Amino acid sequence: QVQPVESGGGLVQAGGSLRLSCAASGRTFGRSAVGWFRQTPGKERAFVACISRNGAVTLYADSVKGRFTISRDTAKNTVYLQMNSLKPEDTALYYCTASHTNSNWTVLNRDFEYPDWGQGTQVTVSS
């Protein structure tokens, strides 16, 4: 089992940048696809980005494509979400999540495919 821990959230002005980190304990993190989701009050959790276990395949929601970049450092057991050109509508609680996969190339973009979730980190973008 993997226990993701998010960090790096905060308050930023529109147009600014933040980098979220997801560090994880557990033997299987390196063999897991890792995703970022976000949620605002009263709304369902929404997919943001994910990365395959080997880091070679990434997938993004249309709303963040070209602005956000997901990456992973296997040696540090950490996945990053670089967020640039932030907009007020990016304000949300951001969750990191992981799922063991058998393939190096699998990416997952549906929340029910992920069994292991962090507590979330708040990102607030002011206009």
Foldseek 3Di string as FASTA:
>chain_A
DKAWAKDWADEEAAQAKIKMKIAIDDDQLLQKKKFKWWDDPPDDIFGAKIAFSLRPDMDGDPVQPPFWDWGDDVVRRMIMIIGGRDDQVVWTWMKMFIDGDPDRHDIDGDVVRTDYIYPTDTHGYHD
